[in-house]
Amino acid sequence: MVKLKIKGESKEEKFKRIAEARTNKILEQIAILRNCANTQIYSYNELQINKIFKALDEELRLTKMTFSQRINKKRDIKL
């Protein structure tokens, strides 16, 4: 993986560039996973499907929680 450093790029611009690319890559991989639903080529059972979606749901939940915590981390103190 090549790390691009764009001169003069703000943190927000960097976030948008990287988050967009990573999200699109994840969406492509999910579409590829969907191909495994073809029962003419693959055989699977309910337990296997549940394990896949449980893992995906958990990872998505943790990612959402991480973003939420960082957004809500602002604290004020008044003396």
C-alpha atoms as a PDB file:
ATOM      1  CA  MET A   1       0.000   0.000   0.000  1.00  0.00           C
ATOM      2  CA  VAL A   2       1.380   3.369  -1.011  1.00  0.00           C
ATOM      3  CA  LYS A   3       0.752   6.241   1.352  1.00  0.00           C
ATOM      4  CA  LEU A   4       0.031   9.416  -0.542  1.00  0.00           C
ATOM      5  CA  LYS A   5       0.867  12.698   1.094  1.00  0.00           C
ATOM      6  CA  ILE A   6      -0.763  15.574  -0.660  1.00  0.00           C
ATOM      7  CA  LYS A   7       0.957  18.830   0.128  1.00  0.00           C
ATOM      8  CA  GLY A   8      -1.340  21.403   1.688  1.00  0.00           C
ATOM      9  CA  GLU A   9      -4.139  18.883   2.232  1.00  0.00           C
ATOM     10  CA  SER A  10      -6.247  19.645   5.311  1.00  0.00           C
ATOM     11  CA  LYS A  11      -7.225  16.942   7.805  1.00  0.00           C
ATOM     12  CA  GLU A  12     -10.801  17.088   6.513  1.00  0.00           C
ATOM     13  CA  GLU A  13      -9.704  16.735   2.888  1.00  0.00           C
ATOM     14  CA  LYS A  14      -7.476  13.798   3.849  1.00  0.00           C
ATOM     15  CA  PHE A  15     -10.362  12.184   5.740  1.00  0.00           C
ATOM     16  CA  LYS A  16     -12.717  12.580   2.781  1.00  0.00           C
ATOM     17  CA  ARG A  17     -10.186  11.145   0.335  1.00  0.00           C
ATOM     18  CA  ILE A  18      -9.249   8.143   2.463  1.00  0.00           C
ATOM     19  CA  ALA A  19     -12.703   7.408   3.924  1.00  0.00           C
ATOM     20  CA  GLU A  20     -14.298   7.510   0.473  1.00  0.00           C
ATOM     21  CA  ALA A  21     -11.739   5.118  -0.989  1.00  0.00           C
ATOM     22  CA  ARG A  22     -11.978   2.702   1.952  1.00  0.00           C
ATOM     23  CA  THR A  23     -15.780   2.786   1.982  1.00  0.00           C
ATOM     24  CA  ASN A  24     -15.952   2.096  -1.743  1.00  0.00           C
ATOM     25  CA  LYS A  25     -13.526  -0.810  -1.306  1.00  0.00           C
ATOM     26  CA  ILE A  26     -15.714  -2.281   1.463  1.00  0.00           C
ATOM     27  CA  LEU A  27     -18.853  -1.892  -0.659  1.00  0.00           C
ATOM     28  CA  GLU A  28     -17.145  -3.698  -3.542  1.00  0.00           C
ATOM     29  CA  GLN A  29     -16.117  -6.542  -1.241  1.00  0.00           C
ATOM     30  CA  ILE A  30     -19.666  -6.872   0.119  1.00  0.00           C
ATOM     31  CA  ALA A  31     -20.950  -7.106  -3.451  1.00  0.00           C
ATOM     32  CA  ILE A  32     -18.415  -9.869  -4.096  1.00  0.00           C
ATOM     33  CA  LEU A  33     -19.515 -11.671  -0.922  1.00  0.00           C
ATOM     34  CA  ARG A  34     -23.084 -11.519  -2.224  1.00  0.00           C
ATOM     35  CA  ASN A  35     -21.965 -13.819  -5.055  1.00  0.00           C
ATOM     36  CA  CYS A  36     -21.569 -16.585  -2.468  1.00  0.00           C
ATOM     37  CA  ALA A  37     -25.370 -16.702  -2.177  1.00  0.00           C
ATOM     38  CA  ASN A  38     -25.531 -18.517  -5.516  1.00  0.00           C
ATOM     39  CA  THR A  39     -26.716 -22.000  -4.537  1.00  0.00           C
ATOM     40  CA  GLN A  40     -25.881 -23.387  -7.985  1.00  0.00           C
ATOM     41  CA  ILE A  41     -22.211 -22.914  -7.133  1.00  0.00           C
ATOM     42  CA  TYR A  42     -22.083 -22.959  -3.301  1.00  0.00           C
ATOM     43  CA  SER A  43     -23.654 -24.869  -0.458  1.00  0.00           C
ATOM     44  CA  TYR A  44     -24.118 -23.316   2.975  1.00  0.00           C
ATOM     45  CA  ASN A  45     -26.348 -23.513   6.010  1.00  0.00           C
ATOM     46  CA  GLU A  46     -28.145 -21.031   8.236  1.00  0.00           C
ATOM     47  CA  LEU A  47     -25.486 -21.200  10.971  1.00  0.00           C
ATOM     48  CA  GLN A  48     -22.739 -20.219   8.528  1.00  0.00           C
ATOM     49  CA  ILE A  49     -24.785 -17.290   7.210  1.00  0.00           C
ATOM     50  CA  ASN A  50     -25.567 -16.136  10.746  1.00  0.00           C
ATOM     51  CA  LYS A  51     -21.845 -16.205  11.650  1.00  0.00           C
ATOM     52  CA  ILE A  52     -20.977 -14.072   8.626  1.00  0.00           C
ATOM     53  CA  PHE A  53     -23.610 -11.441   9.353  1.00  0.00           C
ATOM     54  CA  LYS A  54     -22.927 -11.451  13.078  1.00  0.00           C
ATOM     55  CA  ALA A  55     -19.259 -10.666  12.372  1.00  0.00           C
ATOM     56  CA  LEU A  56     -20.159  -7.939   9.876  1.00  0.00           C
ATOM     57  CA  ASP A  57     -22.769  -6.412  12.207  1.00  0.00           C
ATOM     58  CA  GLU A  58     -20.338  -6.408  15.140  1.00  0.00           C
ATOM     59  CA  GLU A  59     -17.554  -4.751  13.172  1.00  0.00           C
ATOM     60  CA  LEU A  60     -19.945  -2.118  11.850  1.00  0.00           C
ATOM     61  CA  ARG A  61     -21.304  -1.510  15.371  1.00  0.00           C
ATOM     62  CA  LEU A  62     -17.784  -1.038  16.757  1.00  0.00           C
ATOM     63  CA  THR A  63     -16.880   1.328  13.930  1.00  0.00           C
ATOM     64  CA  LYS A  64     -20.018   3.429  14.465  1.00  0.00           C
ATOM     65  CA  MET A  65     -19.324   3.524  18.201  1.00  0.00           C
ATOM     66  CA  THR A  66     -15.743   4.690  17.612  1.00  0.00           C
ATOM     67  CA  PHE A  67     -16.885   7.549  15.382  1.00  0.00           C
ATOM     68  CA  SER A  68     -19.643   8.521  17.834  1.00  0.00           C
ATOM     69  CA  GLN A  69     -17.282   8.577  20.800  1.00  0.00           C
ATOM     70  CA  ARG A  70     -14.851  10.818  18.989  1.00  0.00           C
ATOM     71  CA  ILE A  71     -17.593  13.207  17.946  1.00  0.00           C
ATOM     72  CA  ASN A  72     -19.084  13.319  21.444  1.00  0.00           C
ATOM     73  CA  LYS A  73     -15.725  13.565  23.233  1.00  0.00           C
ATOM     74  CA  LYS A  74     -15.864  17.345  23.605  1.00  0.00           C
ATOM     75  CA  ARG A  75     -15.818  18.259  27.261  1.00  0.00           C
ATOM     76  CA  ASP A  76     -16.180  21.561  28.970  1.00  0.00           C
ATOM     77  CA  ILE A  77     -14.994  22.470  32.402  1.00  0.00           C
ATOM     78  CA  LYS A  78     -16.184  25.431  34.370  1.00  0.00           C
ATOM     79  CA  LEU A  79     -14.543  26.463  37.576  1.00  0.00           C
END
